[in-house]
PDB file of all heavy atoms in Angstrom:
ATOM      1  N   VAL A   1     -19.768   3.421  38.362  1.00  0.00           N
ATOM      2  CA  VAL A   1     -20.435   4.079  37.237  1.00  0.00           C
ATOM      3  C   VAL A   1     -20.054   5.548  37.229  1.00  0.00           C
ATOM      4  O   VAL A   1     -20.238   6.256  38.235  1.00  0.00           O
ATOM      5  CB  VAL A   1     -21.964   3.923  37.345  1.00  0.00           C
ATOM      6  CG1 VAL A   1     -22.655   4.635  36.181  1.00  0.00           C
ATOM      7  CG2 VAL A   1     -22.340   2.447  37.378  1.00  0.00           C
ATOM      8  N   LEU A   2     -19.526   6.013  36.098  1.00  0.00           N
ATOM      9  CA  LEU A   2     -19.136   7.419  35.965  1.00  0.00           C
ATOM     10  C   LEU A   2     -20.374   8.299  35.798  1.00  0.00           C
ATOM     11  O   LEU A   2     -21.379   7.893  35.194  1.00  0.00           O
ATOM     12  CB  LEU A   2     -18.215   7.597  34.756  1.00  0.00           C
ATOM     13  CG  LEU A   2     -16.842   6.926  34.829  1.00  0.00           C
ATOM     14  CD1 LEU A   2     -16.128   7.036  33.489  1.00  0.00           C
ATOM     15  CD2 LEU A   2     -16.003   7.551  35.925  1.00  0.00           C
ATOM     16  N   TYR A   3     -20.280   9.514  36.321  1.00  0.00           N
ATOM     17  CA  TYR A   3     -21.388  10.466  36.227  1.00  0.00           C
ATOM     18  C   TYR A   3     -21.741  10.756  34.766  1.00  0.00           C
ATOM     19  O   TYR A   3     -22.920  10.797  34.394  1.00  0.00           O
ATOM     20  CB  TYR A   3     -21.018  11.764  36.959  1.00  0.00           C
ATOM     21  CG  TYR A   3     -22.047  12.865  36.794  1.00  0.00           C
ATOM     22  CD1 TYR A   3     -23.204  12.893  37.560  1.00  0.00           C
ATOM     23  CD2 TYR A   3     -21.851  13.877  35.843  1.00  0.00           C
ATOM     24  CE1 TYR A   3     -24.154  13.890  37.396  1.00  0.00           C
ATOM     25  CE2 TYR A   3     -22.793  14.881  35.678  1.00  0.00           C
ATOM     26  CZ  TYR A   3     -23.945  14.890  36.466  1.00  0.00           C
ATOM     27  OH  TYR A   3     -24.885  15.875  36.297  1.00  0.00           O
ATOM     28  N   ASP A   4     -20.710  10.936  33.911  1.00  0.00           N
ATOM     29  CA  ASP A   4     -20.953  11.256  32.501  1.00  0.00           C
ATOM     30  C   ASP A   4     -21.671  10.113  31.783  1.00  0.00           C
ATOM     31  O   ASP A   4     -22.563  10.344  30.960  1.00  0.00           O
ATOM     32  CB  ASP A   4     -19.628  11.570  31.792  1.00  0.00           C
ATOM     33  CG  ASP A   4     -19.010  12.877  32.286  1.00  0.00           C
ATOM     34  OD1 ASP A   4     -19.785  13.696  32.828  1.00  0.00           O
ATOM     35  OD2 ASP A   4     -17.793  13.060  32.145  1.00  0.00           O
ATOM     36  N   ASP A   5     -21.312   8.854  32.110  1.00  0.00           N
ATOM     37  CA  ASP A   5     -21.985   7.704  31.505  1.00  0.00           C
ATOM     38  C   ASP A   5     -23.457   7.655  31.924  1.00  0.00           C
ATOM     39  O   ASP A   5     -24.344   7.323  31.134  1.00  0.00           O
ATOM     40  CB  ASP A   5     -21.292   6.407  31.914  1.00  0.00           C
ATOM     41  CG  ASP A   5     -19.882   6.293  31.338  1.00  0.00           C
ATOM     42  OD1 ASP A   5     -19.590   7.023  30.363  1.00  0.00           O
ATOM     43  OD2 ASP A   5     -19.090   5.495  31.866  1.00  0.00           O
ATOM     44  N   LEU A   6     -23.688   8.004  33.179  1.00  0.00           N
ATOM     45  CA  LEU A   6     -25.049   8.000  33.711  1.00  0.00           C
ATOM     46  C   LEU A   6     -25.890   9.081  33.045  1.00  0.00           C
ATOM     47  O   LEU A   6     -27.048   8.859  32.668  1.00  0.00           O
ATOM     48  CB  LEU A   6     -24.995   8.221  35.234  1.00  0.00           C
ATOM     49  CG  LEU A   6     -26.229   7.858  36.056  1.00  0.00           C
ATOM     50  CD1 LEU A   6     -26.610   6.400  35.874  1.00  0.00           C
ATOM     51  CD2 LEU A   6     -25.976   8.155  37.527  1.00  0.00           C
ATOM     52  N   LEU A   7     -25.290  10.257  32.866  1.00  0.00           N
ATOM     53  CA  LEU A   7     -25.986  11.376  32.234  1.00  0.00           C
ATOM     54  C   LEU A   7     -26.337  11.047  30.782  1.00  0.00           C
ATOM     55  O   LEU A   7     -27.449  11.346  30.321  1.00  0.00           O
ATOM     56  CB  LEU A   7     -25.103  12.634  32.299  1.00  0.00           C
ATOM     57  CG  LEU A   7     -25.718  13.940  31.805  1.00  0.00           C
ATOM     58  CD1 LEU A   7     -26.929  14.333  32.639  1.00  0.00           C
ATOM     59  CD2 LEU A   7     -24.673  15.058  31.853  1.00  0.00           C
ATOM     60  N   GLU A   8     -25.414  10.385  30.103  1.00  0.00           N
ATOM     61  CA  GLU A   8     -25.645  10.038  28.702  1.00  0.00           C
ATOM     62  C   GLU A   8     -26.722   8.958  28.568  1.00  0.00           C
ATOM     63  O   GLU A   8     -27.567   9.002  27.662  1.00  0.00           O
ATOM     64  CB  GLU A   8     -24.332   9.553  28.066  1.00  0.00           C
ATOM     65  CG  GLU A   8     -24.464   9.248  26.572  1.00  0.00           C
ATOM     66  CD  GLU A   8     -23.149   8.791  25.958  1.00  0.00           C
ATOM     67  OE1 GLU A   8     -22.101   8.912  26.631  1.00  0.00           O
ATOM     68  OE2 GLU A   8     -23.183   8.310  24.808  1.00  0.00           O
ATOM     69  N   ALA A   9     -26.717   7.989  29.477  1.00  0.00           N
ATOM     70  CA  ALA A   9     -27.675   6.882  29.406  1.00  0.00           C
ATOM     71  C   ALA A   9     -29.106   7.332  29.715  1.00  0.00           C
ATOM     72  O   ALA A   9     -30.067   6.836  29.116  1.00  0.00           O
ATOM     73  CB  ALA A   9     -27.253   5.784  30.380  1.00  0.00           C
ATOM     74  N   LEU A  10     -29.244   8.284  30.623  1.00  0.00           N
ATOM     75  CA  LEU A  10     -30.584   8.681  31.070  1.00  0.00           C
ATOM     76  C   LEU A  10     -31.176   9.833  30.266  1.00  0.00           C
ATOM     77  O   LEU A  10     -32.392  10.046  30.292  1.00  0.00           O
ATOM     78  CB  LEU A  10     -30.540   9.071  32.559  1.00  0.00           C
ATOM     79  CG  LEU A  10     -30.288   7.912  33.529  1.00  0.00           C
ATOM     80  CD1 LEU A  10     -30.017   8.448  34.930  1.00  0.00           C
ATOM     81  CD2 LEU A  10     -31.480   6.965  33.555  1.00  0.00           C
ATOM     82  N   LYS A  11     -30.335  10.612  29.578  1.00  0.00           N
ATOM     83  CA  LYS A  11     -30.806  11.781  28.825  1.00  0.00           C
ATOM     84  C   LYS A  11     -31.637  12.709  29.731  1.00  0.00           C
ATOM     85  O   LYS A  11     -32.706  13.190  29.371  1.00  0.00           O
ATOM     86  CB  LYS A  11     -31.656  11.348  27.621  1.00  0.00           C
ATOM     87  CG  LYS A  11     -31.011  10.324  26.712  1.00  0.00           C
ATOM     88  CD  LYS A  11     -29.766  10.878  26.029  1.00  0.00           C
ATOM     89  CE  LYS A  11     -29.174   9.845  25.042  1.00  0.00           C
ATOM     90  NZ  LYS A  11     -27.907  10.317  24.461  1.00  0.00           N
ATOM     91  N   MET A  12     -31.150  12.930  30.924  1.00  0.00           N
ATOM     92  CA  MET A  12     -31.868  13.691  31.952  1.00  0.00           C
ATOM     93  C   MET A  12     -31.181  15.023  32.179  1.00  0.00           C
ATOM     94  O   MET A  12     -29.965  15.142  31.982  1.00  0.00           O
ATOM     95  CB  MET A  12     -31.888  12.868  33.255  1.00  0.00           C
ATOM     96  CG  MET A  12     -32.777  13.375  34.357  1.00  0.00           C
ATOM     97  SD  MET A  12     -32.700  12.278  35.820  1.00  0.00           S
ATOM     98  CE  MET A  12     -33.583  10.828  35.228  1.00  0.00           C
ATOM     99  N   LYS A  13     -31.951  16.034  32.602  1.00  0.00           N
ATOM    100  CA  LYS A  13     -31.355  17.324  32.916  1.00  0.00           C
ATOM    101  C   LYS A  13     -30.348  17.154  34.049  1.00  0.00           C
ATOM    102  O   LYS A  13     -30.587  16.415  35.007  1.00  0.00           O
ATOM    103  CB  LYS A  13     -32.428  18.337  33.318  1.00  0.00           C
ATOM    104  CG  LYS A  13     -33.309  18.794  32.156  1.00  0.00           C
ATOM    105  CD  LYS A  13     -34.289  19.866  32.614  1.00  0.00           C
ATOM    106  CE  LYS A  13     -35.163  20.339  31.453  1.00  0.00           C
ATOM    107  NZ  LYS A  13     -36.124  21.382  31.887  1.00  0.00           N
ATOM    108  N   GLU A  14     -29.249  17.870  33.938  1.00  0.00           N
ATOM    109  CA  GLU A  14     -28.156  17.684  34.885  1.00  0.00           C
ATOM    110  C   GLU A  14     -28.573  18.032  36.321  1.00  0.00           C
ATOM    111  O   GLU A  14     -28.230  17.322  37.265  1.00  0.00           O
ATOM    112  CB  GLU A  14     -26.956  18.537  34.454  1.00  0.00           C
ATOM    113  CG  GLU A  14     -25.658  18.120  35.127  1.00  0.00           C
ATOM    114  CD  GLU A  14     -24.435  18.738  34.461  1.00  0.00           C
ATOM    115  OE1 GLU A  14     -24.587  19.347  33.376  1.00  0.00           O
ATOM    116  OE2 GLU A  14     -23.350  18.592  35.038  1.00  0.00           O
ATOM    117  N   ALA A  15     -29.345  19.094  36.479  1.00  0.00           N
ATOM    118  CA  ALA A  15     -29.767  19.509  37.826  1.00  0.00           C
ATOM    119  C   ALA A  15     -30.657  18.448  38.465  1.00  0.00           C
ATOM    120  O   ALA A  15     -30.544  18.143  39.671  1.00  0.00           O
ATOM    121  CB  ALA A  15     -30.510  20.842  37.751  1.00  0.00           C
ATOM    122  N   ILE A  16     -31.547  17.854  37.656  1.00  0.00           N
ATOM    123  CA  ILE A  16     -32.450  16.824  38.167  1.00  0.00           C
ATOM    124  C   ILE A  16     -31.669  15.570  38.541  1.00  0.00           C
ATOM    125  O   ILE A  16     -31.917  14.942  39.579  1.00  0.00           O
ATOM    126  CB  ILE A  16     -33.539  16.506  37.120  1.00  0.00           C
ATOM    127  CG1 ILE A  16     -34.426  17.736  36.891  1.00  0.00           C
ATOM    128  CG2 ILE A  16     -34.375  15.309  37.549  1.00  0.00           C
ATOM    129  CD1 ILE A  16     -35.459  17.558  35.799  1.00  0.00           C
ATOM    130  N   LEU A  17     -30.691  15.192  37.717  1.00  0.00           N
ATOM    131  CA  LEU A  17     -29.884  14.010  37.997  1.00  0.00           C
ATOM    132  C   LEU A  17     -29.073  14.189  39.276  1.00  0.00           C
ATOM    133  O   LEU A  17     -28.994  13.279  40.104  1.00  0.00           O
ATOM    134  CB  LEU A  17     -28.956  13.718  36.811  1.00  0.00           C
ATOM    135  CG  LEU A  17     -27.997  12.528  36.991  1.00  0.00           C
ATOM    136  CD1 LEU A  17     -28.770  11.244  37.254  1.00  0.00           C
ATOM    137  CD2 LEU A  17     -27.083  12.383  35.778  1.00  0.00           C
ATOM    138  N   LYS A  18     -28.466  15.358  39.448  1.00  0.00           N
ATOM    139  CA  LYS A  18     -27.662  15.610  40.658  1.00  0.00           C
ATOM    140  C   LYS A  18     -28.523  15.518  41.921  1.00  0.00           C
ATOM    141  O   LYS A  18     -28.102  14.979  42.941  1.00  0.00           O
ATOM    142  CB  LYS A  18     -26.998  16.984  40.556  1.00  0.00           C
ATOM    143  CG  LYS A  18     -25.822  17.029  39.579  1.00  0.00           C
ATOM    144  CD  LYS A  18     -25.187  18.422  39.569  1.00  0.00           C
ATOM    145  CE  LYS A  18     -23.964  18.432  38.637  1.00  0.00           C
ATOM    146  NZ  LYS A  18     -23.338  19.784  38.572  1.00  0.00           N
ATOM    147  N   GLU A  19     -29.759  16.055  41.837  1.00  0.00           N
ATOM    148  CA  GLU A  19     -30.660  16.019  42.993  1.00  0.00           C
ATOM    149  C   GLU A  19     -31.056  14.579  43.310  1.00  0.00           C
ATOM    150  O   GLU A  19     -31.122  14.181  44.480  1.00  0.00           O
ATOM    151  CB  GLU A  19     -31.910  16.856  42.702  1.00  0.00           C
ATOM    152  CG  GLU A  19     -32.894  16.957  43.855  1.00  0.00           C
ATOM    153  CD  GLU A  19     -32.316  17.672  45.064  1.00  0.00           C
ATOM    154  OE1 GLU A  19     -31.397  18.507  44.908  1.00  0.00           O
ATOM    155  OE2 GLU A  19     -32.785  17.382  46.182  1.00  0.00           O
ATOM    156  N   ALA A  20     -31.307  13.775  42.262  1.00  0.00           N
ATOM    157  CA  ALA A  20     -31.671  12.374  42.467  1.00  0.00           C
ATOM    158  C   ALA A  20     -30.518  11.596  43.088  1.00  0.00           C
ATOM    159  O   ALA A  20     -30.717  10.780  44.006  1.00  0.00           O
ATOM    160  CB  ALA A  20     -32.088  11.751  41.141  1.00  0.00           C
ATOM    161  N   ILE A  21     -29.300  11.819  42.595  1.00  0.00           N
ATOM    162  CA  ILE A  21     -28.120  11.136  43.147  1.00  0.00           C
ATOM    163  C   ILE A  21     -27.931  11.510  44.618  1.00  0.00           C
ATOM    164  O   ILE A  21     -27.643  10.650  45.464  1.00  0.00           O
ATOM    165  CB  ILE A  21     -26.862  11.497  42.325  1.00  0.00           C
ATOM    166  CG1 ILE A  21     -26.935  10.843  40.936  1.00  0.00           C
ATOM    167  CG2 ILE A  21     -25.597  11.065  43.045  1.00  0.00           C
ATOM    168  CD1 ILE A  21     -25.831  11.285  39.991  1.00  0.00           C
ATOM    169  N   LYS A  22     -28.122  12.776  44.921  1.00  0.00           N
ATOM    170  CA  LYS A  22     -27.966  13.253  46.296  1.00  0.00           C
ATOM    171  C   LYS A  22     -28.949  12.542  47.239  1.00  0.00           C
ATOM    172  O   LYS A  22     -28.582  12.114  48.344  1.00  0.00           O
ATOM    173  CB  LYS A  22     -28.193  14.767  46.334  1.00  0.00           C
ATOM    174  CG  LYS A  22     -28.070  15.381  47.716  1.00  0.00           C
ATOM    175  CD  LYS A  22     -28.345  16.881  47.656  1.00  0.00           C
ATOM    176  CE  LYS A  22     -28.327  17.497  49.052  1.00  0.00           C
ATOM    177  NZ  LYS A  22     -28.659  18.940  49.008  1.00  0.00           N
ATOM    178  N   LYS A  23     -30.205  12.383  46.795  1.00  0.00           N
ATOM    179  CA  LYS A  23     -31.210  11.737  47.640  1.00  0.00           C
ATOM    180  C   LYS A  23     -30.936  10.247  47.784  1.00  0.00           C
ATOM    181  O   LYS A  23     -31.142   9.672  48.863  1.00  0.00           O
ATOM    182  CB  LYS A  23     -32.609  11.962  47.058  1.00  0.00           C
ATOM    183  CG  LYS A  23     -33.102  13.385  47.248  1.00  0.00           C
ATOM    184  CD  LYS A  23     -34.593  13.510  47.039  1.00  0.00           C
ATOM    185  CE  LYS A  23     -35.051  14.919  47.405  1.00  0.00           C
ATOM    186  NZ  LYS A  23     -36.508  15.082  47.271  1.00  0.00           N
ATOM    187  N   LEU A  24     -30.463   9.596  46.735  1.00  0.00           N
ATOM    188  CA  LEU A  24     -30.143   8.175  46.826  1.00  0.00           C
ATOM    189  C   LEU A  24     -28.989   7.931  47.780  1.00  0.00           C
ATOM    190  O   LEU A  24     -28.973   6.935  48.528  1.00  0.00           O
ATOM    191  CB  LEU A  24     -29.811   7.625  45.432  1.00  0.00           C
ATOM    192  CG  LEU A  24     -30.995   7.449  44.469  1.00  0.00           C
ATOM    193  CD1 LEU A  24     -30.502   7.108  43.065  1.00  0.00           C
ATOM    194  CD2 LEU A  24     -31.950   6.367  44.970  1.00  0.00           C
ATOM    195  N   ILE A  25     -28.016   8.846  47.793  1.00  0.00           N
ATOM    196  CA  ILE A  25     -26.888   8.733  48.733  1.00  0.00           C
ATOM    197  C   ILE A  25     -27.385   8.953  50.158  1.00  0.00           C
ATOM    198  O   ILE A  25     -27.027   8.222  51.090  1.00  0.00           O
ATOM    199  CB  ILE A  25     -25.772   9.741  48.371  1.00  0.00           C
ATOM    200  CG1 ILE A  25     -25.116   9.357  47.036  1.00  0.00           C
ATOM    201  CG2 ILE A  25     -24.718   9.796  49.479  1.00  0.00           C
ATOM    202  CD1 ILE A  25     -24.104  10.381  46.530  1.00  0.00           C
ATOM    203  N   THR A  26     -28.236   9.966  50.345  1.00  0.00           N
ATOM    204  CA  THR A  26     -28.785  10.274  51.675  1.00  0.00           C
ATOM    205  C   THR A  26     -29.598   9.102  52.213  1.00  0.00           C
ATOM    206  O   THR A  26     -29.537   8.778  53.403  1.00  0.00           O
ATOM    207  CB  THR A  26     -29.670  11.537  51.609  1.00  0.00           C
ATOM    208  OG1 THR A  26     -28.897  12.623  51.098  1.00  0.00           O
ATOM    209  CG2 THR A  26     -30.205  11.891  52.982  1.00  0.00           C
ATOM    210  N   ASN A  27     -30.371   8.460  51.332  1.00  0.00           N
ATOM    211  CA  ASN A  27     -31.206   7.326  51.743  1.00  0.00           C
ATOM    212  C   ASN A  27     -30.407   6.044  51.948  1.00  0.00           C
ATOM    213  O   ASN A  27     -30.944   5.050  52.438  1.00  0.00           O
ATOM    214  CB  ASN A  27     -32.304   7.065  50.706  1.00  0.00           C
ATOM    215  CG  ASN A  27     -33.285   8.221  50.611  1.00  0.00           C
ATOM    216  OD1 ASN A  27     -33.419   9.002  51.542  1.00  0.00           O
ATOM    217  ND2 ASN A  27     -33.977   8.319  49.482  1.00  0.00           N
ATOM    218  N   GLY A  28     -29.125   6.057  51.550  1.00  0.00           N
ATOM    219  CA  GLY A  28     -28.296   4.869  51.732  1.00  0.00           C
ATOM    220  C   GLY A  28     -28.453   3.825  50.656  1.00  0.00           C
ATOM    221  O   GLY A  28     -28.088   2.659  50.852  1.00  0.00           O
ATOM    222  N   ASP A  29     -29.004   4.218  49.483  1.00  0.00           N
ATOM    223  CA  ASP A  29     -29.180   3.259  48.387  1.00  0.00           C
ATOM    224  C   ASP A  29     -27.907   3.114  47.544  1.00  0.00           C
ATOM    225  O   ASP A  29     -27.629   2.040  47.003  1.00  0.00           O
ATOM    226  CB  ASP A  29     -30.340   3.699  47.494  1.00  0.00           C
ATOM    227  CG  ASP A  29     -31.666   3.707  48.238  1.00  0.00           C
ATOM    228  OD1 ASP A  29     -31.944   2.711  48.927  1.00  0.00           O
ATOM    229  OD2 ASP A  29     -32.407   4.698  48.154  1.00  0.00           O
ATOM    230  N   ILE A  30     -27.159   4.205  47.405  1.00  0.00           N
ATOM    231  CA  ILE A  30     -25.894   4.168  46.647  1.00  0.00           C
ATOM    232  C   ILE A  30     -24.843   4.907  47.456  1.00  0.00           C
ATOM    233  O   ILE A  30     -25.159   5.599  48.435  1.00  0.00           O
ATOM    234  CB  ILE A  30     -26.046   4.830  45.250  1.00  0.00           C
ATOM    235  CG1 ILE A  30     -26.333   6.327  45.402  1.00  0.00           C
ATOM    236  CG2 ILE A  30     -27.128   4.137  44.428  1.00  0.00           C
ATOM    237  CD1 ILE A  30     -26.338   7.096  44.070  1.00  0.00           C
ATOM    238  N   ASP A  31     -23.580   4.766  47.063  1.00  0.00           N
ATOM    239  CA  ASP A  31     -22.527   5.574  47.678  1.00  0.00           C
ATOM    240  C   ASP A  31     -21.597   6.097  46.584  1.00  0.00           C
ATOM    241  O   ASP A  31     -21.686   5.699  45.409  1.00  0.00           O
ATOM    242  CB  ASP A  31     -21.767   4.794  48.746  1.00  0.00           C
ATOM    243  CG  ASP A  31     -20.910   3.672  48.167  1.00  0.00           C
ATOM    244  OD1 ASP A  31     -21.127   3.321  46.996  1.00  0.00           O
ATOM    245  OD2 ASP A  31     -20.042   3.145  48.883  1.00  0.00           O
ATOM    246  N   GLU A  32     -20.705   7.001  46.975  1.00  0.00           N
ATOM    247  CA  GLU A  32     -19.778   7.659  46.049  1.00  0.00           C
ATOM    248  C   GLU A  32     -18.359   7.487  46.583  1.00  0.00           C
ATOM    249  O   GLU A  32     -17.811   8.375  47.241  1.00  0.00           O
ATOM    250  CB  GLU A  32     -20.144   9.145  45.914  1.00  0.00           C
ATOM    251  CG  GLU A  32     -19.365   9.880  44.831  1.00  0.00           C
ATOM    252  CD  GLU A  32     -19.782  11.347  44.720  1.00  0.00           C
ATOM    253  OE1 GLU A  32     -20.497  11.839  45.635  1.00  0.00           O
ATOM    254  OE2 GLU A  32     -19.386  12.001  43.739  1.00  0.00           O
ATOM    255  N   PRO A  33     -17.744   6.298  46.336  1.00  0.00           N
ATOM    256  CA  PRO A  33     -16.395   6.050  46.873  1.00  0.00           C
ATOM    257  C   PRO A  33     -15.348   6.993  46.302  1.00  0.00           C
ATOM    258  O   PRO A  33     -14.364   7.311  46.965  1.00  0.00           O
ATOM    259  CB  PRO A  33     -16.116   4.595  46.483  1.00  0.00           C
ATOM    260  CG  PRO A  33     -17.023   4.323  45.338  1.00  0.00           C
ATOM    261  CD  PRO A  33     -18.238   5.159  45.548  1.00  0.00           C
TER     262      PRO A  33
END
């Protein structure tokens, strides 16, 4: 999933989305190959 597609689908502030992605990666729920 591309970051831009995710941003468009969620209509979320960019700073909030980046922080959420960072925590999901830290928790081991998603990864960024």
